[in-house]
PDB file of N, CA and C in Angstrom:
ATOM      1  N   MET A   1       7.841  32.479  27.262  1.00  0.00           N
ATOM      2  CA  MET A   1       7.742  32.714  28.543  1.00  0.00           C
ATOM      3  C   MET A   1       6.871  32.401  29.596  1.00  0.00           C
ATOM      4  N   LEU A   2       7.078  31.765  30.699  1.00  0.00           N
ATOM      5  CA  LEU A   2       6.211  31.071  31.411  1.00  0.00           C
ATOM      6  C   LEU A   2       5.475  32.016  32.422  1.00  0.00           C
ATOM      7  N   THR A   3       4.116  32.029  32.374  1.00  0.00           N
ATOM      8  CA  THR A   3       3.459  33.185  33.402  1.00  0.00           C
ATOM      9  C   THR A   3       2.798  32.583  34.561  1.00  0.00           C
ATOM     10  N   ALA A   4       2.805  31.058  34.330  1.00  0.00           N
ATOM     11  CA  ALA A   4       1.896  30.117  35.539  1.00  0.00           C
ATOM     12  C   ALA A   4       1.858  28.524  35.357  1.00  0.00           C
ATOM     13  N   VAL A   5       1.497  27.847  36.584  1.00  0.00           N
ATOM     14  CA  VAL A   5       0.843  26.710  36.625  1.00  0.00           C
ATOM     15  C   VAL A   5      -0.325  26.411  36.411  1.00  0.00           C
ATOM     16  N   ASP A   6      -0.063  25.879  35.292  1.00  0.00           N
ATOM     17  CA  ASP A   6      -1.934  25.812  34.841  1.00  0.00           C
ATOM     18  C   ASP A   6      -2.639  24.189  36.013  1.00  0.00           C
ATOM     19  N   HIS A   7      -1.945  23.900  35.562  1.00  0.00           N
ATOM     20  CA  HIS A   7      -1.892  22.511  36.677  1.00  0.00           C
ATOM     21  C   HIS A   7      -1.199  21.259  37.051  1.00  0.00           C
ATOM     22  N   VAL A   8      -1.461  20.519  38.119  1.00  0.00           N
ATOM     23  CA  VAL A   8      -0.429  19.506  38.225  1.00  0.00           C
ATOM     24  C   VAL A   8      -0.987  18.313  38.369  1.00  0.00           C
ATOM     25  N   GLN A   9      -0.476  16.905  37.601  1.00  0.00           N
ATOM     26  CA  GLN A   9      -1.277  15.813  37.315  1.00  0.00           C
ATOM     27  C   GLN A   9      -0.555  14.900  38.309  1.00  0.00           C
ATOM     28  N   LEU A  10      -1.409  13.925  38.786  1.00  0.00           N
ATOM     29  CA  LEU A  10      -0.629  12.714  39.731  1.00  0.00           C
ATOM     30  C   LEU A  10      -1.230  11.260  39.202  1.00  0.00           C
ATOM     31  N   ALA A  11      -0.956  10.530  39.247  1.00  0.00           N
ATOM     32  CA  ALA A  11      -1.206   9.425  39.278  1.00  0.00           C
ATOM     33  C   ALA A  11      -1.741   8.537  40.122  1.00  0.00           C
ATOM     34  N   ALA A  12      -3.176   7.925  39.431  1.00  0.00           N
ATOM     35  CA  ALA A  12      -3.826   6.589  40.116  1.00  0.00           C
ATOM     36  C   ALA A  12      -4.281   6.016  39.811  1.00  0.00           C
ATOM     37  N   PRO A  13      -4.440   4.455  40.459  1.00  0.00           N
ATOM     38  CA  PRO A  13      -4.835   3.264  39.988  1.00  0.00           C
ATOM     39  C   PRO A  13      -6.119   3.248  39.313  1.00  0.00           C
ATOM     40  N   PRO A  14      -6.303   2.218  38.469  1.00  0.00           N
ATOM     41  CA  PRO A  14      -7.951   1.992  37.655  1.00  0.00           C
ATOM     42  C   PRO A  14      -9.027   1.742  38.642  1.00  0.00           C
ATOM     43  N   GLY A  15      -9.735   2.154  38.763  1.00  0.00           N
ATOM     44  CA  GLY A  15     -11.169   2.070  39.446  1.00  0.00           C
ATOM     45  C   GLY A  15     -10.964   2.937  40.988  1.00  0.00           C
ATOM     46  N   SER A  16      -9.532   4.079  40.527  1.00  0.00           N
ATOM     47  CA  SER A  16     -10.048   4.916  42.079  1.00  0.00           C
ATOM     48  C   SER A  16     -10.861   5.912  42.451  1.00  0.00           C
ATOM     49  N   GLU A  17     -11.891   6.407  41.275  1.00  0.00           N
ATOM     50  CA  GLU A  17     -11.779   7.607  41.376  1.00  0.00           C
ATOM     51  C   GLU A  17     -12.966   8.519  41.917  1.00  0.00           C
ATOM     52  N   ASP A  18     -13.740   6.935  43.056  1.00  0.00           N
ATOM     53  CA  ASP A  18     -14.396   7.039  44.040  1.00  0.00           C
ATOM     54  C   ASP A  18     -13.767   7.473  45.451  1.00  0.00           C
ATOM     55  N   LEU A  19     -13.015   6.836  45.422  1.00  0.00           N
ATOM     56  CA  LEU A  19     -11.978   7.022  46.793  1.00  0.00           C
ATOM     57  C   LEU A  19     -11.197   8.320  46.314  1.00  0.00           C
ATOM     58  N   LEU A  20     -10.672   8.787  44.763  1.00  0.00           N
ATOM     59  CA  LEU A  20      -9.927  10.359  45.192  1.00  0.00           C
ATOM     60  C   LEU A  20     -11.191  11.153  45.048  1.00  0.00           C
ATOM     61  N   ARG A  21     -12.297  11.085  44.847  1.00  0.00           N
ATOM     62  CA  ARG A  21     -13.846  11.951  44.904  1.00  0.00           C
ATOM     63  C   ARG A  21     -13.929  12.168  46.542  1.00  0.00           C
ATOM     64  N   ALA A  22     -13.989  11.299  46.804  1.00  0.00           N
ATOM     65  CA  ALA A  22     -14.340  11.202  48.706  1.00  0.00           C
ATOM     66  C   ALA A  22     -12.681  12.207  49.221  1.00  0.00           C
ATOM     67  N   TYR A  23     -11.859  11.519  49.019  1.00  0.00           N
ATOM     68  CA  TYR A  23     -10.546  13.088  49.860  1.00  0.00           C
ATOM     69  C   TYR A  23     -10.202  13.900  49.150  1.00  0.00           C
ATOM     70  N   TYR A  24     -10.646  14.255  47.683  1.00  0.00           N
ATOM     71  CA  TYR A  24     -10.017  15.611  47.029  1.00  0.00           C
ATOM     72  C   TYR A  24     -11.362  16.497  47.388  1.00  0.00           C
ATOM     73  N   ILE A  25     -12.368  16.171  46.980  1.00  0.00           N
ATOM     74  CA  ILE A  25     -14.048  16.907  47.237  1.00  0.00           C
ATOM     75  C   ILE A  25     -14.486  17.069  49.203  1.00  0.00           C
ATOM     76  N   GLY A  26     -13.946  15.737  49.594  1.00  0.00           N
ATOM     77  CA  GLY A  26     -14.874  15.350  50.682  1.00  0.00           C
ATOM     78  C   GLY A  26     -13.406  15.822  52.179  1.00  0.00           C
ATOM     79  N   VAL A  27     -12.437  15.684  51.816  1.00  0.00           N
ATOM     80  CA  VAL A  27     -11.404  15.933  52.928  1.00  0.00           C
ATOM     81  C   VAL A  27     -10.634  17.420  52.405  1.00  0.00           C
ATOM     82  N   LEU A  28      -9.982  17.287  51.490  1.00  0.00           N
ATOM     83  CA  LEU A  28      -9.288  18.649  50.731  1.00  0.00           C
ATOM     84  C   LEU A  28     -10.365  20.203  50.481  1.00  0.00           C
ATOM     85  N   GLY A  29     -11.826  19.642  49.711  1.00  0.00           N
ATOM     86  CA  GLY A  29     -12.901  20.804  50.220  1.00  0.00           C
ATOM     87  C   GLY A  29     -12.572  21.099  48.457  1.00  0.00           C
ATOM     88  N   MET A  30     -11.815  20.456  47.446  1.00  0.00           N
ATOM     89  CA  MET A  30     -12.363  21.258  46.300  1.00  0.00           C
ATOM     90  C   MET A  30     -13.588  20.740  45.694  1.00  0.00           C
ATOM     91  N   THR A  31     -13.435  21.183  44.239  1.00  0.00           N
ATOM     92  CA  THR A  31     -14.795  20.967  43.511  1.00  0.00           C
ATOM     93  C   THR A  31     -14.208  19.665  42.178  1.00  0.00           C
ATOM     94  N   GLU A  32     -14.915  19.118  41.894  1.00  0.00           N
ATOM     95  CA  GLU A  32     -14.725  18.224  40.839  1.00  0.00           C
ATOM     96  C   GLU A  32     -14.552  19.240  39.638  1.00  0.00           C
ATOM     97  N   THR A  33     -13.853  19.036  38.726  1.00  0.00           N
ATOM     98  CA  THR A  33     -14.406  19.675  37.441  1.00  0.00           C
ATOM     99  C   THR A  33     -14.358  18.755  35.699  1.00  0.00           C
ATOM    100  N   PRO A  34     -15.183  18.533  35.417  1.00  0.00           N
ATOM    101  CA  PRO A  34     -15.541  18.061  34.408  1.00  0.00           C
ATOM    102  C   PRO A  34     -14.637  17.845  33.198  1.00  0.00           C
ATOM    103  N   LYS A  35     -13.997  16.434  32.945  1.00  0.00           N
ATOM    104  CA  LYS A  35     -13.257  16.144  32.079  1.00  0.00           C
ATOM    105  C   LYS A  35     -13.739  16.471  30.643  1.00  0.00           C
ATOM    106  N   PRO A  36     -13.028  16.891  29.596  1.00  0.00           N
ATOM    107  CA  PRO A  36     -13.584  16.715  28.313  1.00  0.00           C
ATOM    108  C   PRO A  36     -13.819  15.476  27.579  1.00  0.00           C
ATOM    109  N   PRO A  37     -14.856  15.084  26.869  1.00  0.00           N
ATOM    110  CA  PRO A  37     -15.318  13.905  26.510  1.00  0.00           C
ATOM    111  C   PRO A  37     -14.175  12.943  25.964  1.00  0.00           C
ATOM    112  N   ALA A  38     -13.585  13.361  24.895  1.00  0.00           N
ATOM    113  CA  ALA A  38     -12.425  12.599  24.754  1.00  0.00           C
ATOM    114  C   ALA A  38     -11.268  12.167  25.812  1.00  0.00           C
ATOM    115  N   LEU A  39     -11.387  12.882  26.440  1.00  0.00           N
ATOM    116  CA  LEU A  39     -10.558  12.436  28.120  1.00  0.00           C
ATOM    117  C   LEU A  39     -11.208  11.807  29.009  1.00  0.00           C
ATOM    118  N   ALA A  40     -11.830  12.261  29.444  1.00  0.00           N
ATOM    119  CA  ALA A  40     -13.210  11.218  30.287  1.00  0.00           C
ATOM    120  C   ALA A  40     -12.867   9.893  29.914  1.00  0.00           C
ATOM    121  N   ALA A  41     -12.565   9.409  29.015  1.00  0.00           N
ATOM    122  CA  ALA A  41     -13.096   7.816  28.074  1.00  0.00           C
ATOM    123  C   ALA A  41     -11.510   7.021  29.128  1.00  0.00           C
ATOM    124  N   ARG A  42     -10.622   8.065  29.505  1.00  0.00           N
ATOM    125  CA  ARG A  42      -9.498   7.718  29.848  1.00  0.00           C
ATOM    126  C   ARG A  42      -9.648   7.507  31.597  1.00  0.00           C
ATOM    127  N   GLY A  43     -10.780   7.626  31.926  1.00  0.00           N
ATOM    128  CA  GLY A  43     -10.643   7.678  33.787  1.00  0.00           C
ATOM    129  C   GLY A  43      -9.757   8.943  34.613  1.00  0.00           C
ATOM    130  N   GLY A  44     -10.140   8.428  35.623  1.00  0.00           N
ATOM    131  CA  GLY A  44      -9.548   9.644  36.178  1.00  0.00           C
ATOM    132  C   GLY A  44     -10.486  10.982  36.849  1.00  0.00           C
ATOM    133  N   CYS A  45      -9.989  11.850  37.124  1.00  0.00           N
ATOM    134  CA  CYS A  45     -11.087  13.453  37.918  1.00  0.00           C
ATOM    135  C   CYS A  45      -9.873  14.306  37.596  1.00  0.00           C
ATOM    136  N   TRP A  46     -10.657  15.230  37.306  1.00  0.00           N
ATOM    137  CA  TRP A  46      -9.796  17.128  37.881  1.00  0.00           C
ATOM    138  C   TRP A  46     -10.617  17.618  38.985  1.00  0.00           C
ATOM    139  N   PHE A  47      -9.798  18.510  39.652  1.00  0.00           N
ATOM    140  CA  PHE A  47     -10.136  19.130  40.820  1.00  0.00           C
ATOM    141  C   PHE A  47      -9.535  20.612  40.545  1.00  0.00           C
ATOM    142  N   GLU A  48     -10.072  21.154  41.213  1.00  0.00           N
ATOM    143  CA  GLU A  48      -9.533  22.727  41.595  1.00  0.00           C
ATOM    144  C   GLU A  48     -10.387  23.337  42.654  1.00  0.00           C
ATOM    145  N   ALA A  49      -9.274  24.140  43.200  1.00  0.00           N
ATOM    146  CA  ALA A  49     -10.111  25.439  44.311  1.00  0.00           C
ATOM    147  C   ALA A  49      -9.380  26.506  44.335  1.00  0.00           C
ATOM    148  N   GLY A  50     -10.423  27.714  43.660  1.00  0.00           N
ATOM    149  CA  GLY A  50      -9.325  28.850  43.543  1.00  0.00           C
ATOM    150  C   GLY A  50      -8.622  28.613  42.288  1.00  0.00           C
ATOM    151  N   ASP A  51      -7.365  29.122  42.406  1.00  0.00           N
ATOM    152  CA  ASP A  51      -6.589  28.898  40.977  1.00  0.00           C
ATOM    153  C   ASP A  51      -5.510  27.656  41.178  1.00  0.00           C
ATOM    154  N   VAL A  52      -5.988  26.693  42.387  1.00  0.00           N
ATOM    155  CA  VAL A  52      -5.369  25.552  42.357  1.00  0.00           C
ATOM    156  C   VAL A  52      -5.706  24.387  41.593  1.00  0.00           C
ATOM    157  N   ARG A  53      -5.010  23.659  40.483  1.00  0.00           N
ATOM    158  CA  ARG A  53      -5.708  22.557  39.769  1.00  0.00           C
ATOM    159  C   ARG A  53      -5.031  21.395  39.879  1.00  0.00           C
ATOM    160  N   LEU A  54      -5.298  20.069  40.099  1.00  0.00           N
ATOM    161  CA  LEU A  54      -4.950  19.152  40.343  1.00  0.00           C
ATOM    162  C   LEU A  54      -5.901  17.987  39.152  1.00  0.00           C
ATOM    163  N   HIS A  55      -4.684  17.171  38.436  1.00  0.00           N
ATOM    164  CA  HIS A  55      -5.528  16.398  37.612  1.00  0.00           C
ATOM    165  C   HIS A  55      -5.028  14.523  38.070  1.00  0.00           C
ATOM    166  N   LEU A  56      -5.656  14.346  38.200  1.00  0.00           N
ATOM    167  CA  LEU A  56      -5.658  13.149  38.727  1.00  0.00           C
ATOM    168  C   LEU A  56      -5.690  11.779  37.659  1.00  0.00           C
ATOM    169  N   GLY A  57      -4.733  11.535  36.818  1.00  0.00           N
ATOM    170  CA  GLY A  57      -4.694  10.502  35.866  1.00  0.00           C
ATOM    171  C   GLY A  57      -4.841   8.893  35.865  1.00  0.00           C
ATOM    172  N   ILE A  58      -5.435   8.020  35.374  1.00  0.00           N
ATOM    173  CA  ILE A  58      -5.291   6.570  35.882  1.00  0.00           C
ATOM    174  C   ILE A  58      -4.074   6.413  34.668  1.00  0.00           C
ATOM    175  N   GLU A  59      -3.534   5.191  35.982  1.00  0.00           N
ATOM    176  CA  GLU A  59      -2.274   4.498  35.345  1.00  0.00           C
ATOM    177  C   GLU A  59      -2.051   3.223  35.345  1.00  0.00           C
ATOM    178  N   ARG A  60      -2.523   2.244  34.495  1.00  0.00           N
ATOM    179  CA  ARG A  60      -2.081   0.844  34.885  1.00  0.00           C
ATOM    180  C   ARG A  60      -1.397  -0.027  35.384  1.00  0.00           C
ATOM    181  N   ASP A  61      -0.016   0.578  35.579  1.00  0.00           N
ATOM    182  CA  ASP A  61       1.109   0.336  36.596  1.00  0.00           C
ATOM    183  C   ASP A  61       1.763   1.206  37.407  1.00  0.00           C
ATOM    184  N   PHE A  62       0.133   1.618  38.087  1.00  0.00           N
ATOM    185  CA  PHE A  62       0.469   3.003  39.120  1.00  0.00           C
ATOM    186  C   PHE A  62       1.379   2.598  40.520  1.00  0.00           C
ATOM    187  N   ARG A  63       1.972   4.152  40.388  1.00  0.00           N
ATOM    188  CA  ARG A  63       3.264   3.407  41.636  1.00  0.00           C
ATOM    189  C   ARG A  63       2.774   5.290  42.324  1.00  0.00           C
ATOM    190  N   PRO A  64       2.563   5.178  43.541  1.00  0.00           N
ATOM    191  CA  PRO A  64       2.359   6.436  44.055  1.00  0.00           C
ATOM    192  C   PRO A  64       3.830   7.273  44.119  1.00  0.00           C
ATOM    193  N   ALA A  65       3.861   8.536  44.280  1.00  0.00           N
ATOM    194  CA  ALA A  65       4.623   9.654  44.053  1.00  0.00           C
ATOM    195  C   ALA A  65       4.812   9.923  45.550  1.00  0.00           C
ATOM    196  N   ARG A  66       6.336   9.393  46.413  1.00  0.00           N
ATOM    197  CA  ARG A  66       6.886   9.158  47.241  1.00  0.00           C
ATOM    198  C   ARG A  66       7.629  10.330  47.993  1.00  0.00           C
ATOM    199  N   LYS A  67       7.916  10.805  46.605  1.00  0.00           N
ATOM    200  CA  LYS A  67       9.440  12.208  46.335  1.00  0.00           C
ATOM    201  C   LYS A  67       8.333  13.358  45.625  1.00  0.00           C
ATOM    202  N   ALA A  68       8.057  12.987  44.213  1.00  0.00           N
ATOM    203  CA  ALA A  68       7.839  14.462  43.962  1.00  0.00           C
ATOM    204  C   ALA A  68       6.395  14.546  44.907  1.00  0.00           C
ATOM    205  N   HIS A  69       5.567  16.015  44.709  1.00  0.00           N
ATOM    206  CA  HIS A  69       4.778  16.238  45.081  1.00  0.00           C
ATOM    207  C   HIS A  69       4.223  17.626  44.869  1.00  0.00           C
ATOM    208  N   PRO A  70       2.624  17.838  44.825  1.00  0.00           N
ATOM    209  CA  PRO A  70       2.485  19.100  44.723  1.00  0.00           C
ATOM    210  C   PRO A  70       2.897  20.205  45.787  1.00  0.00           C
ATOM    211  N   GLY A  71       3.197  21.017  46.262  1.00  0.00           N
ATOM    212  CA  GLY A  71       3.244  21.938  47.400  1.00  0.00           C
ATOM    213  C   GLY A  71       2.164  23.121  47.480  1.00  0.00           C
ATOM    214  N   LEU A  72       1.023  22.876  48.337  1.00  0.00           N
ATOM    215  CA  LEU A  72      -0.121  23.269  48.188  1.00  0.00           C
ATOM    216  C   LEU A  72      -0.310  24.265  49.503  1.00  0.00           C
ATOM    217  N   ARG A  73      -0.445  25.672  49.106  1.00  0.00           N
ATOM    218  CA  ARG A  73      -0.528  26.648  50.038  1.00  0.00           C
ATOM    219  C   ARG A  73      -2.107  27.008  50.418  1.00  0.00           C
ATOM    220  N   VAL A  74      -1.867  26.836  51.586  1.00  0.00           N
ATOM    221  CA  VAL A  74      -3.181  26.942  52.748  1.00  0.00           C
ATOM    222  C   VAL A  74      -2.916  27.939  53.559  1.00  0.00           C
ATOM    223  N   THR A  75      -4.265  28.187  53.927  1.00  0.00           N
ATOM    224  CA  THR A  75      -4.531  29.403  55.317  1.00  0.00           C
ATOM    225  C   THR A  75      -4.933  28.730  55.804  1.00  0.00           C
ATOM    226  N   GLY A  76      -5.002  29.184  57.482  1.00  0.00           N
ATOM    227  CA  GLY A  76      -5.643  28.660  58.607  1.00  0.00           C
ATOM    228  C   GLY A  76      -4.476  26.819  58.773  1.00  0.00           C
ATOM    229  N   ILE A  77      -3.409  26.891  58.815  1.00  0.00           N
ATOM    230  CA  ILE A  77      -2.574  25.486  58.298  1.00  0.00           C
ATOM    231  C   ILE A  77      -3.273  24.512  59.397  1.00  0.00           C
ATOM    232  N   ASP A  78      -2.874  24.809  60.884  1.00  0.00           N
ATOM    233  CA  ASP A  78      -3.478  23.767  62.001  1.00  0.00           C
ATOM    234  C   ASP A  78      -4.931  23.976  62.028  1.00  0.00           C
ATOM    235  N   ALA A  79      -5.715  24.212  61.570  1.00  0.00           N
ATOM    236  CA  ALA A  79      -7.244  23.807  61.054  1.00  0.00           C
ATOM    237  C   ALA A  79      -7.242  22.879  60.383  1.00  0.00           C
ATOM    238  N   PHE A  80      -6.189  23.135  59.395  1.00  0.00           N
ATOM    239  CA  PHE A  80      -6.600  21.875  58.026  1.00  0.00           C
ATOM    240  C   PHE A  80      -6.026  20.477  58.500  1.00  0.00           C
ATOM    241  N   ALA A  81      -4.669  20.747  58.901  1.00  0.00           N
ATOM    242  CA  ALA A  81      -4.038  19.960  59.348  1.00  0.00           C
ATOM    243  C   ALA A  81      -4.767  18.614  60.194  1.00  0.00           C
ATOM    244  N   ALA A  82      -4.986  19.578  61.178  1.00  0.00           N
ATOM    245  CA  ALA A  82      -6.724  18.850  62.174  1.00  0.00           C
ATOM    246  C   ALA A  82      -7.831  17.949  61.338  1.00  0.00           C
ATOM    247  N   ARG A  83      -8.307  18.625  60.147  1.00  0.00           N
ATOM    248  CA  ARG A  83      -8.972  18.345  59.298  1.00  0.00           C
ATOM    249  C   ARG A  83      -8.917  16.957  58.869  1.00  0.00           C
ATOM    250  N   LEU A  84      -7.649  16.933  57.967  1.00  0.00           N
ATOM    251  CA  LEU A  84      -7.061  16.158  57.227  1.00  0.00           C
ATOM    252  C   LEU A  84      -6.846  14.872  58.611  1.00  0.00           C
ATOM    253  N   ALA A  85      -6.089  14.667  59.493  1.00  0.00           N
ATOM    254  CA  ALA A  85      -5.761  13.624  60.873  1.00  0.00           C
ATOM    255  C   ALA A  85      -7.181  13.496  61.213  1.00  0.00           C
ATOM    256  N   ALA A  86      -8.710  14.272  60.810  1.00  0.00           N
ATOM    257  CA  ALA A  86      -9.791  13.554  61.540  1.00  0.00           C
ATOM    258  C   ALA A  86     -10.489  12.758  60.732  1.00  0.00           C
ATOM    259  N   HIS A  87     -10.137  12.935  59.345  1.00  0.00           N
ATOM    260  CA  HIS A  87     -10.173  11.905  58.404  1.00  0.00           C
ATOM    261  C   HIS A  87      -9.508  10.991  58.015  1.00  0.00           C
ATOM    262  N   GLY A  88      -8.503  10.154  58.822  1.00  0.00           N
ATOM    263  CA  GLY A  88      -7.114   9.846  58.977  1.00  0.00           C
ATOM    264  C   GLY A  88      -5.919   9.464  57.940  1.00  0.00           C
ATOM    265  N   ALA A  89      -5.953  11.336  57.418  1.00  0.00           N
ATOM    266  CA  ALA A  89      -4.623  11.400  56.478  1.00  0.00           C
ATOM    267  C   ALA A  89      -3.449  11.304  57.538  1.00  0.00           C
ATOM    268  N   PRO A  90      -2.650  10.945  57.194  1.00  0.00           N
ATOM    269  CA  PRO A  90      -1.410  11.481  57.965  1.00  0.00           C
ATOM    270  C   PRO A  90      -0.826  12.350  57.840  1.00  0.00           C
ATOM    271  N   VAL A  91      -0.382  13.014  58.947  1.00  0.00           N
ATOM    272  CA  VAL A  91       0.640  14.872  58.633  1.00  0.00           C
ATOM    273  C   VAL A  91       1.851  14.577  59.577  1.00  0.00           C
ATOM    274  N   ALA A  92       2.862  14.747  58.997  1.00  0.00           N
ATOM    275  CA  ALA A  92       3.742  15.040  59.381  1.00  0.00           C
ATOM    276  C   ALA A  92       4.401  16.143  59.122  1.00  0.00           C
ATOM    277  N   TRP A  93       5.077  17.064  60.288  1.00  0.00           N
ATOM    278  CA  TRP A  93       4.578  18.613  60.270  1.00  0.00           C
ATOM    279  C   TRP A  93       6.506  18.258  59.934  1.00  0.00           C
ATOM    280  N   ASP A  94       6.897  19.673  59.353  1.00  0.00           N
ATOM    281  CA  ASP A  94       8.588  19.413  58.918  1.00  0.00           C
ATOM    282  C   ASP A  94       8.647  21.372  59.328  1.00  0.00           C
ATOM    283  N   GLY A  95       9.324  21.265  59.890  1.00  0.00           N
ATOM    284  CA  GLY A  95       9.916  22.459  60.373  1.00  0.00           C
ATOM    285  C   GLY A  95      11.174  23.172  59.773  1.00  0.00           C
ATOM    286  N   LEU A  96      11.425  22.758  57.961  1.00  0.00           N
ATOM    287  CA  LEU A  96      13.286  22.857  57.747  1.00  0.00           C
ATOM    288  C   LEU A  96      12.732  24.304  56.634  1.00  0.00           C
ATOM    289  N   LEU A  97      11.846  24.676  56.240  1.00  0.00           N
ATOM    290  CA  LEU A  97      11.707  25.655  54.982  1.00  0.00           C
ATOM    291  C   LEU A  97      11.522  26.844  56.127  1.00  0.00           C
ATOM    292  N   PRO A  98      12.212  27.873  55.844  1.00  0.00           N
ATOM    293  CA  PRO A  98      12.329  29.026  56.663  1.00  0.00           C
ATOM    294  C   PRO A  98      11.352  30.056  55.817  1.00  0.00           C
ATOM    295  N   GLY A  99      10.076  30.732  57.065  1.00  0.00           N
ATOM    296  CA  GLY A  99       9.364  31.255  56.427  1.00  0.00           C
ATOM    297  C   GLY A  99       8.115  30.575  56.471  1.00  0.00           C
ATOM    298  N   TYR A 100       8.076  29.491  56.472  1.00  0.00           N
ATOM    299  CA  TYR A 100       6.726  28.379  56.427  1.00  0.00           C
ATOM    300  C   TYR A 100       6.544  27.561  57.603  1.00  0.00           C
ATOM    301  N   ARG A 101       5.689  27.624  57.858  1.00  0.00           N
ATOM    302  CA  ARG A 101       5.202  26.163  58.519  1.00  0.00           C
ATOM    303  C   ARG A 101       4.417  24.879  57.603  1.00  0.00           C
ATOM    304  N   ARG A 102       4.720  24.276  57.564  1.00  0.00           N
ATOM    305  CA  ARG A 102       4.294  22.947  56.587  1.00  0.00           C
ATOM    306  C   ARG A 102       4.402  21.573  57.457  1.00  0.00           C
ATOM    307  N   PHE A 103       3.546  20.635  56.666  1.00  0.00           N
ATOM    308  CA  PHE A 103       3.382  19.110  56.708  1.00  0.00           C
ATOM    309  C   PHE A 103       3.476  18.773  55.554  1.00  0.00           C
ATOM    310  N   HIS A 104       3.284  17.156  55.125  1.00  0.00           N
ATOM    311  CA  HIS A 104       3.391  16.140  54.458  1.00  0.00           C
ATOM    312  C   HIS A 104       2.461  15.354  55.061  1.00  0.00           C
ATOM    313  N   SER A 105       1.336  15.143  53.648  1.00  0.00           N
ATOM    314  CA  SER A 105       0.781  14.275  53.779  1.00  0.00           C
ATOM    315  C   SER A 105       0.090  12.903  52.900  1.00  0.00           C
ATOM    316  N   GLU A 106      -0.471  12.512  51.998  1.00  0.00           N
ATOM    317  CA  GLU A 106      -0.528  11.336  51.118  1.00  0.00           C
ATOM    318  C   GLU A 106      -2.704  11.247  51.294  1.00  0.00           C
ATOM    319  N   ASP A 107      -2.186  10.801  49.811  1.00  0.00           N
ATOM    320  CA  ASP A 107      -4.035  11.106  49.724  1.00  0.00           C
ATOM    321  C   ASP A 107      -4.039   9.864  49.274  1.00  0.00           C
ATOM    322  N   PRO A 108      -5.813   9.473  49.159  1.00  0.00           N
ATOM    323  CA  PRO A 108      -5.413   7.790  49.510  1.00  0.00           C
ATOM    324  C   PRO A 108      -5.369   6.455  49.054  1.00  0.00           C
ATOM    325  N   VAL A 109      -4.281   7.222  47.893  1.00  0.00           N
ATOM    326  CA  VAL A 109      -3.579   5.898  46.677  1.00  0.00           C
ATOM    327  C   VAL A 109      -1.552   6.468  47.131  1.00  0.00           C
ATOM    328  N   GLY A 110      -2.049   7.081  48.141  1.00  0.00           N
ATOM    329  CA  GLY A 110      -0.425   7.442  48.466  1.00  0.00           C
ATOM    330  C   GLY A 110       0.474   7.814  47.795  1.00  0.00           C
ATOM    331  N   ASN A 111       0.181   9.053  47.269  1.00  0.00           N
ATOM    332  CA  ASN A 111       0.771   9.828  46.612  1.00  0.00           C
ATOM    333  C   ASN A 111       0.835  11.018  47.489  1.00  0.00           C
ATOM    334  N   ARG A 112       2.339  11.984  47.583  1.00  0.00           N
ATOM    335  CA  ARG A 112       2.561  12.417  48.526  1.00  0.00           C
ATOM    336  C   ARG A 112       2.494  13.860  48.287  1.00  0.00           C
ATOM    337  N   LEU A 113       1.869  14.570  48.753  1.00  0.00           N
ATOM    338  CA  LEU A 113       1.143  16.327  49.023  1.00  0.00           C
ATOM    339  C   LEU A 113       1.896  16.897  50.424  1.00  0.00           C
ATOM    340  N   GLU A 114       2.047  18.070  49.813  1.00  0.00           N
ATOM    341  CA  GLU A 114       2.733  19.351  50.618  1.00  0.00           C
ATOM    342  C   GLU A 114       2.100  20.392  51.112  1.00  0.00           C
ATOM    343  N   PHE A 115       1.623  20.685  52.172  1.00  0.00           N
ATOM    344  CA  PHE A 115       0.609  22.140  52.189  1.00  0.00           C
ATOM    345  C   PHE A 115       1.945  22.680  53.278  1.00  0.00           C
ATOM    346  N   LEU A 116       1.695  23.744  52.678  1.00  0.00           N
ATOM    347  CA  LEU A 116       2.596  24.862  53.221  1.00  0.00           C
ATOM    348  C   LEU A 116       1.843  25.986  53.632  1.00  0.00           C
ATOM    349  N   GLU A 117       1.745  26.999  55.022  1.00  0.00           N
ATOM    350  CA  GLU A 117       1.479  28.452  54.718  1.00  0.00           C
ATOM    351  C   GLU A 117       2.627  29.530  55.416  1.00  0.00           C
ATOM    352  N   PRO A 118       2.660  30.701  54.346  1.00  0.00           N
ATOM    353  CA  PRO A 118       3.690  31.654  54.993  1.00  0.00           C
ATOM    354  C   PRO A 118       3.367  32.148  56.423  1.00  0.00           C
ATOM    355  N   VAL A 119       4.869  32.416  57.186  1.00  0.00           N
ATOM    356  CA  VAL A 119       4.450  32.862  58.682  1.00  0.00           C
ATOM    357  C   VAL A 119       4.371  34.590  58.850  1.00  0.00           C
TER     358      VAL A 119
END
């Protein structure tokens, strides 16, 4: 029986860890979680905020996820969108999901991210 999503993993190009940290910590306000030593040797970063866990794994032939994406629930979506925009991240509002306000953005390596708040 499934009980929860433990984490979502996204891919990133080799050498992008500092860029990812700047975005996921500095812009999204997440905290970096240390990877176990055997996994840390592979590169990448793990981040969390509350129950949200995102793992960014290094992929040699990286291509950003343009359609697949995590849907991240937020509070204060207008202020959150303004924060992303102030840091140069794209903010594309989408009113097509009944019961939610949402927008799509991209992390610094081009992975699609969805941010939504129930109305």
